[in-house]
Structures are given as C-alpha cells and as structure tokens.
C-alpha cells in the first residue's frame, strides 16, 4: 500500500489495500494533504500503476518539489487519460514543464490546472 502522506487510517489509503496495482485504473487523492513529502512517496507507487487512467491530486498543497516528482512519474503512465492538479502549486512555468512531459501521453484527454498558485521551477525544487 503506497503511503501518499495521508496515513494508514485515512479512508482512501484503506481502499488501496488489497487492490492489485496492476489493475488499478483510477486514484482519487483529492483533499488528502499529500503535499510535497507525500508526492515523493506517491511518485514511486505511480510507476507500478501501468494501467492507471485517472489521477486526481487536486487540493493537496503541492509545491515545486511535489510538482517535479509527480511530473516525472506521469511519464510512466501510458494509459493516463485524466489528470487533475487543480488548486496546487502548478504555476505557469510548472504548467509548461508539465505540458512538455505529457507530450508523449497520446491518450490524455483531460487536464485540470484551475486555480494555480505561483510555484515555479528552480534548481532547488
């Protein structure tokens, strides 16, 4: 069970228990306080979700560090059709980095970046 920063007792974390990562097609971690630290843990788990089609990480306080690791992990998700990063630190520059990274995902149909904050890429994040 991946630790997405929400703890073992969080209802969404418990739902992951017993599910095979190979068959998981949707993950909704909206409003779970993932943050940058949780995004690092989550990014490792995302690589094992080869058939993931929907990922919702909205409203999680992702900053530059969290955005960076999530963007890197997304490149390993060839089936991703819907990505929600609304209300996080996905500023204009991170949106550009995200756009370049997602260029190889031909099945992506929905990308939600509403209500972005101003986190920007830097060497330290």
N, C-alpha and C. Protein backbone atom coordinates (compact mmCIF):
# COMPACT_ATOMS: atom_id res chain seq x y z
N UNK A 1 0.85 -1.17 0.00
CA UNK A 1 0.00 0.00 0.00
C UNK A 1 0.89 1.23 0.00
N UNK A 2 0.77 2.08 -1.01
CA UNK A 2 1.62 3.26 -1.05
C UNK A 2 1.25 4.24 0.04
N UNK A 3 2.24 4.92 0.61
CA UNK A 3 2.00 5.94 1.61
C UNK A 3 2.01 7.28 0.90
N UNK A 4 0.84 7.82 0.68
CA UNK A 4 0.73 9.09 -0.04
C UNK A 4 0.65 10.25 0.92
N UNK A 5 1.16 10.09 2.12
CA UNK A 5 1.15 11.18 3.08
C UNK A 5 -0.17 11.32 3.80
N UNK A 6 -1.11 10.43 3.59
CA UNK A 6 -2.41 10.54 4.23
C UNK A 6 -2.55 9.57 5.40
N UNK A 7 -1.59 8.72 5.63
CA UNK A 7 -1.61 7.81 6.76
C UNK A 7 -2.41 6.56 6.50
N UNK A 8 -2.08 5.52 7.23
CA UNK A 8 -2.72 4.22 7.04
C UNK A 8 -4.19 4.23 7.39
N UNK A 9 -4.63 5.14 8.26
CA UNK A 9 -6.02 5.14 8.70
C UNK A 9 -6.93 6.01 7.85
N UNK A 10 -6.39 6.69 6.87
CA UNK A 10 -7.23 7.51 6.01
C UNK A 10 -8.09 6.59 5.12
N UNK A 11 -9.39 6.90 4.95
CA UNK A 11 -10.27 6.03 4.16
C UNK A 11 -9.74 5.73 2.76
N UNK A 12 -9.15 6.70 2.10
CA UNK A 12 -8.66 6.46 0.74
C UNK A 12 -7.45 5.54 0.76
N UNK A 13 -6.65 5.63 1.80
CA UNK A 13 -5.50 4.74 1.93
C UNK A 13 -5.97 3.31 2.15
N UNK A 14 -6.99 3.12 2.96
CA UNK A 14 -7.51 1.78 3.21
C UNK A 14 -8.08 1.16 1.95
N UNK A 15 -8.68 1.97 1.07
CA UNK A 15 -9.24 1.43 -0.16
C UNK A 15 -8.17 0.84 -1.07
N UNK A 16 -6.93 1.35 -0.98
CA UNK A 16 -5.85 0.82 -1.80
C UNK A 16 -5.46 -0.57 -1.34
N UNK A 17 -5.62 -0.85 -0.06
CA UNK A 17 -5.21 -2.15 0.50
C UNK A 17 -5.98 -3.26 -0.19
N UNK A 18 -5.30 -4.29 -0.60
CA UNK A 18 -5.95 -5.42 -1.23
C UNK A 18 -6.18 -5.26 -2.73
N UNK A 19 -5.93 -4.10 -3.27
CA UNK A 19 -6.11 -3.90 -4.70
C UNK A 19 -4.77 -4.15 -5.40
N UNK A 20 -4.83 -4.82 -6.49
CA UNK A 20 -3.61 -5.06 -7.24
C UNK A 20 -3.25 -3.81 -8.02
N UNK A 21 -2.03 -3.36 -7.87
CA UNK A 21 -1.58 -2.17 -8.59
C UNK A 21 -1.67 -2.37 -10.10
N UNK A 22 -1.56 -3.61 -10.53
CA UNK A 22 -1.60 -3.89 -11.97
C UNK A 22 -2.98 -3.64 -12.57
N UNK A 23 -4.03 -3.61 -11.75
CA UNK A 23 -5.37 -3.44 -12.28
C UNK A 23 -6.03 -2.13 -11.86
N UNK A 24 -5.37 -1.31 -11.08
CA UNK A 24 -5.92 -0.06 -10.60
C UNK A 24 -5.99 0.96 -11.74
N UNK A 25 -7.20 1.43 -12.06
CA UNK A 25 -7.36 2.36 -13.18
C UNK A 25 -7.66 3.78 -12.74
N UNK A 26 -8.01 4.00 -11.49
CA UNK A 26 -8.31 5.34 -11.01
C UNK A 26 -7.84 5.54 -9.59
N UNK A 27 -7.24 6.71 -9.33
CA UNK A 27 -6.79 7.06 -7.99
C UNK A 27 -7.27 8.48 -7.70
N UNK A 28 -8.08 8.64 -6.63
CA UNK A 28 -8.56 9.95 -6.22
C UNK A 28 -7.99 10.25 -4.84
N UNK A 29 -7.00 11.12 -4.80
CA UNK A 29 -6.39 11.56 -3.56
C UNK A 29 -6.64 13.04 -3.33
N UNK A 30 -7.73 13.55 -3.88
CA UNK A 30 -8.09 14.95 -3.71
C UNK A 30 -8.33 15.27 -2.24
N UNK A 31 -7.84 16.44 -1.81
CA UNK A 31 -8.08 16.92 -0.44
C UNK A 31 -7.56 15.98 0.64
N UNK A 32 -6.45 15.33 0.41
CA UNK A 32 -5.91 14.41 1.41
C UNK A 32 -4.61 14.91 2.04
N UNK A 33 -4.19 16.11 1.69
CA UNK A 33 -2.99 16.68 2.29
C UNK A 33 -1.71 16.02 1.86
N UNK A 34 -1.66 15.54 0.64
CA UNK A 34 -0.48 14.85 0.13
C UNK A 34 0.77 15.72 0.29
N UNK A 35 0.72 16.96 -0.16
CA UNK A 35 1.86 17.86 -0.05
C UNK A 35 3.08 17.34 -0.80
N UNK A 36 4.18 18.06 -0.67
CA UNK A 36 5.40 17.68 -1.38
C UNK A 36 5.98 16.37 -0.87
N UNK A 37 5.97 16.16 0.44
CA UNK A 37 6.54 14.93 1.01
C UNK A 37 5.75 13.71 0.55
N UNK A 38 4.44 13.80 0.58
CA UNK A 38 3.61 12.69 0.12
C UNK A 38 3.75 12.44 -1.37
N UNK A 39 3.96 13.52 -2.14
CA UNK A 39 4.13 13.39 -3.59
C UNK A 39 5.37 12.57 -3.91
N UNK A 40 6.41 12.73 -3.12
CA UNK A 40 7.63 11.94 -3.33
C UNK A 40 7.32 10.46 -3.12
N UNK A 41 6.61 10.13 -2.06
CA UNK A 41 6.24 8.73 -1.80
C UNK A 41 5.30 8.21 -2.89
N UNK A 42 4.35 9.03 -3.28
CA UNK A 42 3.38 8.64 -4.30
C UNK A 42 4.04 8.40 -5.65
N UNK A 43 5.03 9.19 -5.98
CA UNK A 43 5.67 9.06 -7.29
C UNK A 43 6.27 7.67 -7.50
N UNK A 44 6.79 7.09 -6.44
CA UNK A 44 7.33 5.73 -6.54
C UNK A 44 6.24 4.71 -6.83
N UNK A 45 5.08 4.91 -6.22
CA UNK A 45 3.96 3.99 -6.43
C UNK A 45 3.36 4.15 -7.82
N UNK A 46 3.35 5.36 -8.34
CA UNK A 46 2.74 5.60 -9.66
C UNK A 46 3.40 4.77 -10.76
N UNK A 47 4.69 4.55 -10.65
CA UNK A 47 5.40 3.76 -11.65
C UNK A 47 4.91 2.33 -11.77
N UNK A 48 4.26 1.83 -10.73
CA UNK A 48 3.73 0.46 -10.74
C UNK A 48 2.28 0.38 -11.22
N UNK A 49 1.69 1.53 -11.51
CA UNK A 49 0.27 1.57 -11.92
C UNK A 49 0.18 1.71 -13.44
N UNK A 50 0.59 0.68 -14.12
CA UNK A 50 0.75 0.74 -15.58
C UNK A 50 -0.53 0.95 -16.36
N UNK A 51 -1.70 0.66 -15.77
CA UNK A 51 -2.96 0.85 -16.49
C UNK A 51 -3.78 2.01 -15.92
N UNK A 52 -3.16 2.84 -15.08
CA UNK A 52 -3.86 3.97 -14.48
C UNK A 52 -4.39 4.92 -15.55
N UNK A 53 -5.68 5.22 -15.47
CA UNK A 53 -6.33 6.10 -16.45
C UNK A 53 -6.72 7.45 -15.85
N UNK A 54 -7.01 7.49 -14.54
CA UNK A 54 -7.46 8.72 -13.90
C UNK A 54 -6.66 8.96 -12.62
N UNK A 55 -6.14 10.18 -12.48
CA UNK A 55 -5.40 10.55 -11.29
C UNK A 55 -5.87 11.93 -10.84
N UNK A 56 -6.37 12.01 -9.61
CA UNK A 56 -6.83 13.27 -9.04
C UNK A 56 -5.99 13.60 -7.82
N UNK A 57 -5.17 14.62 -7.95
CA UNK A 57 -4.34 15.11 -6.85
C UNK A 57 -4.70 16.55 -6.52
N UNK A 58 -5.92 16.95 -6.81
CA UNK A 58 -6.34 18.33 -6.58
C UNK A 58 -6.39 18.66 -5.09
N UNK A 59 -6.20 19.94 -4.80
CA UNK A 59 -6.33 20.47 -3.43
C UNK A 59 -5.40 19.79 -2.43
N UNK A 60 -4.14 19.64 -2.80
CA UNK A 60 -3.20 18.93 -1.92
C UNK A 60 -1.98 19.74 -1.53
N UNK A 61 -1.93 21.01 -1.86
CA UNK A 61 -0.81 21.84 -1.45
C UNK A 61 0.52 21.44 -2.06
N UNK A 62 0.48 20.90 -3.27
CA UNK A 62 1.74 20.56 -3.94
C UNK A 62 2.48 21.82 -4.31
N UNK A 63 3.74 21.89 -3.95
CA UNK A 63 4.60 22.99 -4.33
C UNK A 63 5.53 22.56 -5.45
N UNK A 64 6.61 23.28 -5.63
CA UNK A 64 7.54 22.98 -6.70
C UNK A 64 8.13 21.58 -6.62
N UNK A 65 8.52 21.15 -5.42
CA UNK A 65 9.10 19.81 -5.27
C UNK A 65 8.10 18.72 -5.58
N UNK A 66 6.89 18.88 -5.10
CA UNK A 66 5.84 17.89 -5.37
C UNK A 66 5.48 17.85 -6.84
N UNK A 67 5.38 19.02 -7.45
CA UNK A 67 5.07 19.08 -8.89
C UNK A 67 6.14 18.35 -9.70
N UNK A 68 7.40 18.60 -9.35
CA UNK A 68 8.51 17.99 -10.09
C UNK A 68 8.44 16.47 -10.06
N UNK A 69 8.27 15.88 -8.87
CA UNK A 69 8.28 14.42 -8.79
C UNK A 69 7.04 13.80 -9.42
N UNK A 70 5.91 14.48 -9.31
CA UNK A 70 4.69 13.97 -9.95
C UNK A 70 4.84 14.01 -11.46
N UNK A 71 5.36 15.11 -11.99
CA UNK A 71 5.56 15.23 -13.44
C UNK A 71 6.48 14.13 -13.95
N UNK A 72 7.55 13.86 -13.22
CA UNK A 72 8.47 12.79 -13.63
C UNK A 72 7.76 11.43 -13.64
N UNK A 73 6.94 11.18 -12.63
CA UNK A 73 6.23 9.90 -12.54
C UNK A 73 5.18 9.74 -13.63
N UNK A 74 4.56 10.84 -14.04
CA UNK A 74 3.49 10.78 -15.04
C UNK A 74 3.97 10.21 -16.37
N UNK A 75 5.23 10.37 -16.66
CA UNK A 75 5.77 9.88 -17.92
C UNK A 75 5.76 8.35 -17.99
N UNK A 76 5.53 7.70 -16.86
CA UNK A 76 5.48 6.24 -16.80
C UNK A 76 4.05 5.71 -16.86
N UNK A 77 3.10 6.58 -17.17
CA UNK A 77 1.68 6.20 -17.17
C UNK A 77 1.09 6.31 -18.57
N UNK A 78 1.33 5.33 -19.44
CA UNK A 78 0.91 5.44 -20.84
C UNK A 78 -0.60 5.43 -21.06
N UNK A 79 -1.38 5.01 -20.06
CA UNK A 79 -2.84 4.94 -20.21
C UNK A 79 -3.56 6.14 -19.60
N UNK A 80 -2.81 7.09 -19.02
CA UNK A 80 -3.43 8.20 -18.31
C UNK A 80 -4.27 9.06 -19.25
N UNK A 81 -5.57 9.14 -18.96
CA UNK A 81 -6.49 9.91 -19.79
C UNK A 81 -7.00 11.16 -19.08
N UNK A 82 -6.91 11.19 -17.74
CA UNK A 82 -7.44 12.32 -16.97
C UNK A 82 -6.52 12.62 -15.80
N UNK A 83 -6.10 13.88 -15.70
CA UNK A 83 -5.21 14.31 -14.63
C UNK A 83 -5.75 15.60 -14.02
N UNK A 84 -5.96 15.60 -12.71
CA UNK A 84 -6.47 16.78 -12.02
C UNK A 84 -5.43 17.25 -11.01
N UNK A 85 -4.84 18.40 -11.28
CA UNK A 85 -3.88 19.03 -10.38
C UNK A 85 -4.37 20.41 -9.94
N UNK A 86 -5.69 20.63 -9.98
CA UNK A 86 -6.27 21.92 -9.61
C UNK A 86 -5.94 22.27 -8.16
N UNK A 87 -5.82 23.56 -7.89
CA UNK A 87 -5.59 24.07 -6.53
C UNK A 87 -4.31 23.54 -5.90
N UNK A 88 -3.25 23.54 -6.67
CA UNK A 88 -1.93 23.15 -6.20
C UNK A 88 -0.92 24.20 -6.67
N UNK A 89 0.35 23.96 -6.43
CA UNK A 89 1.39 24.89 -6.83
C UNK A 89 1.84 24.72 -8.26
N UNK A 90 0.90 24.53 -9.17
CA UNK A 90 1.23 24.36 -10.59
C UNK A 90 1.09 25.72 -11.25
N UNK A 91 2.11 26.56 -11.13
CA UNK A 91 2.10 27.87 -11.75
C UNK A 91 2.33 27.76 -13.25
N UNK A 92 2.43 28.91 -13.90
CA UNK A 92 2.59 28.93 -15.35
C UNK A 92 3.82 28.17 -15.80
N UNK A 93 4.95 28.37 -15.13
CA UNK A 93 6.17 27.68 -15.55
C UNK A 93 6.07 26.18 -15.34
N UNK A 94 5.46 25.75 -14.21
CA UNK A 94 5.28 24.32 -13.99
C UNK A 94 4.31 23.74 -15.00
N UNK A 95 3.31 24.53 -15.39
CA UNK A 95 2.36 24.07 -16.41
C UNK A 95 3.09 23.83 -17.73
N UNK A 96 4.08 24.67 -18.05
CA UNK A 96 4.86 24.48 -19.27
C UNK A 96 5.70 23.21 -19.18
N UNK A 97 6.33 22.99 -18.04
CA UNK A 97 7.12 21.76 -17.84
C UNK A 97 6.20 20.55 -17.95
N UNK A 98 5.02 20.64 -17.35
CA UNK A 98 4.04 19.56 -17.40
C UNK A 98 3.62 19.28 -18.84
N UNK A 99 3.37 20.33 -19.59
CA UNK A 99 2.96 20.18 -20.99
C UNK A 99 4.01 19.42 -21.79
N UNK A 100 5.26 19.77 -21.60
CA UNK A 100 6.34 19.08 -22.31
C UNK A 100 6.42 17.61 -21.89
N UNK A 101 6.28 17.36 -20.60
CA UNK A 101 6.38 15.98 -20.09
C UNK A 101 5.22 15.12 -20.57
N UNK A 102 4.05 15.71 -20.71
CA UNK A 102 2.87 14.95 -21.11
C UNK A 102 2.74 14.80 -22.62
N UNK A 103 3.65 15.36 -23.36
CA UNK A 103 3.60 15.28 -24.82
C UNK A 103 3.56 13.87 -25.35
N UNK A 104 4.14 12.93 -24.65
CA UNK A 104 4.16 11.54 -25.09
C UNK A 104 2.93 10.74 -24.69
N UNK A 105 2.04 11.35 -23.92
CA UNK A 105 0.83 10.64 -23.47
C UNK A 105 -0.30 10.91 -24.46
N UNK A 106 -0.39 10.09 -25.46
CA UNK A 106 -1.36 10.33 -26.54
C UNK A 106 -2.80 10.12 -26.12
N UNK A 107 -3.06 9.43 -25.02
CA UNK A 107 -4.44 9.17 -24.60
C UNK A 107 -4.98 10.23 -23.64
N UNK A 108 -4.13 11.15 -23.17
CA UNK A 108 -4.58 12.18 -22.23
C UNK A 108 -5.66 13.04 -22.87
N UNK A 109 -6.83 13.07 -22.25
CA UNK A 109 -7.96 13.84 -22.77
C UNK A 109 -8.34 14.99 -21.86
N UNK A 110 -8.03 14.90 -20.57
CA UNK A 110 -8.46 15.92 -19.62
C UNK A 110 -7.32 16.28 -18.67
N UNK A 111 -7.02 17.56 -18.61
CA UNK A 111 -6.00 18.09 -17.71
C UNK A 111 -6.59 19.29 -17.00
N UNK A 112 -6.69 19.24 -15.68
CA UNK A 112 -7.28 20.33 -14.90
C UNK A 112 -6.19 21.00 -14.08
N UNK A 113 -5.90 22.25 -14.41
CA UNK A 113 -4.92 23.05 -13.68
C UNK A 113 -5.55 24.32 -13.12
N UNK A 114 -6.86 24.30 -12.91
CA UNK A 114 -7.54 25.51 -12.41
C UNK A 114 -6.97 25.95 -11.07
N UNK A 115 -7.08 27.24 -10.85
CA UNK A 115 -6.71 27.86 -9.56
C UNK A 115 -5.27 27.55 -9.17
N UNK A 116 -4.39 27.80 -10.12
CA UNK A 116 -2.96 27.55 -9.87
C UNK A 116 -2.41 28.60 -8.90
N UNK A 117 -1.35 28.22 -8.19
CA UNK A 117 -0.62 29.19 -7.38
C UNK A 117 0.65 29.52 -8.14
N UNK A 118 1.60 30.13 -7.48
CA UNK A 118 2.74 30.66 -8.22
C UNK A 118 4.04 29.87 -8.07
N UNK A 119 3.98 28.63 -7.67
CA UNK A 119 5.21 27.84 -7.56
C UNK A 119 5.89 27.77 -8.93
N UNK A 120 7.19 27.98 -8.95
CA UNK A 120 7.92 27.97 -10.21
C UNK A 120 9.09 27.00 -10.13
N UNK A 121 9.48 26.44 -11.28
CA UNK A 121 10.63 25.53 -11.27
C UNK A 121 11.91 26.26 -10.88
N UNK A 122 12.74 25.59 -10.13
CA UNK A 122 14.05 26.15 -9.80
C UNK A 122 14.98 24.98 -9.55
N UNK A 123 16.24 25.30 -9.45
CA UNK A 123 17.24 24.25 -9.21
C UNK A 123 17.03 23.60 -7.85
N UNK A 124 16.45 24.33 -6.89
CA UNK A 124 16.30 23.78 -5.56
C UNK A 124 15.01 23.01 -5.36
N UNK A 125 14.07 23.09 -6.31
CA UNK A 125 12.80 22.38 -6.12
C UNK A 125 12.64 21.24 -7.07
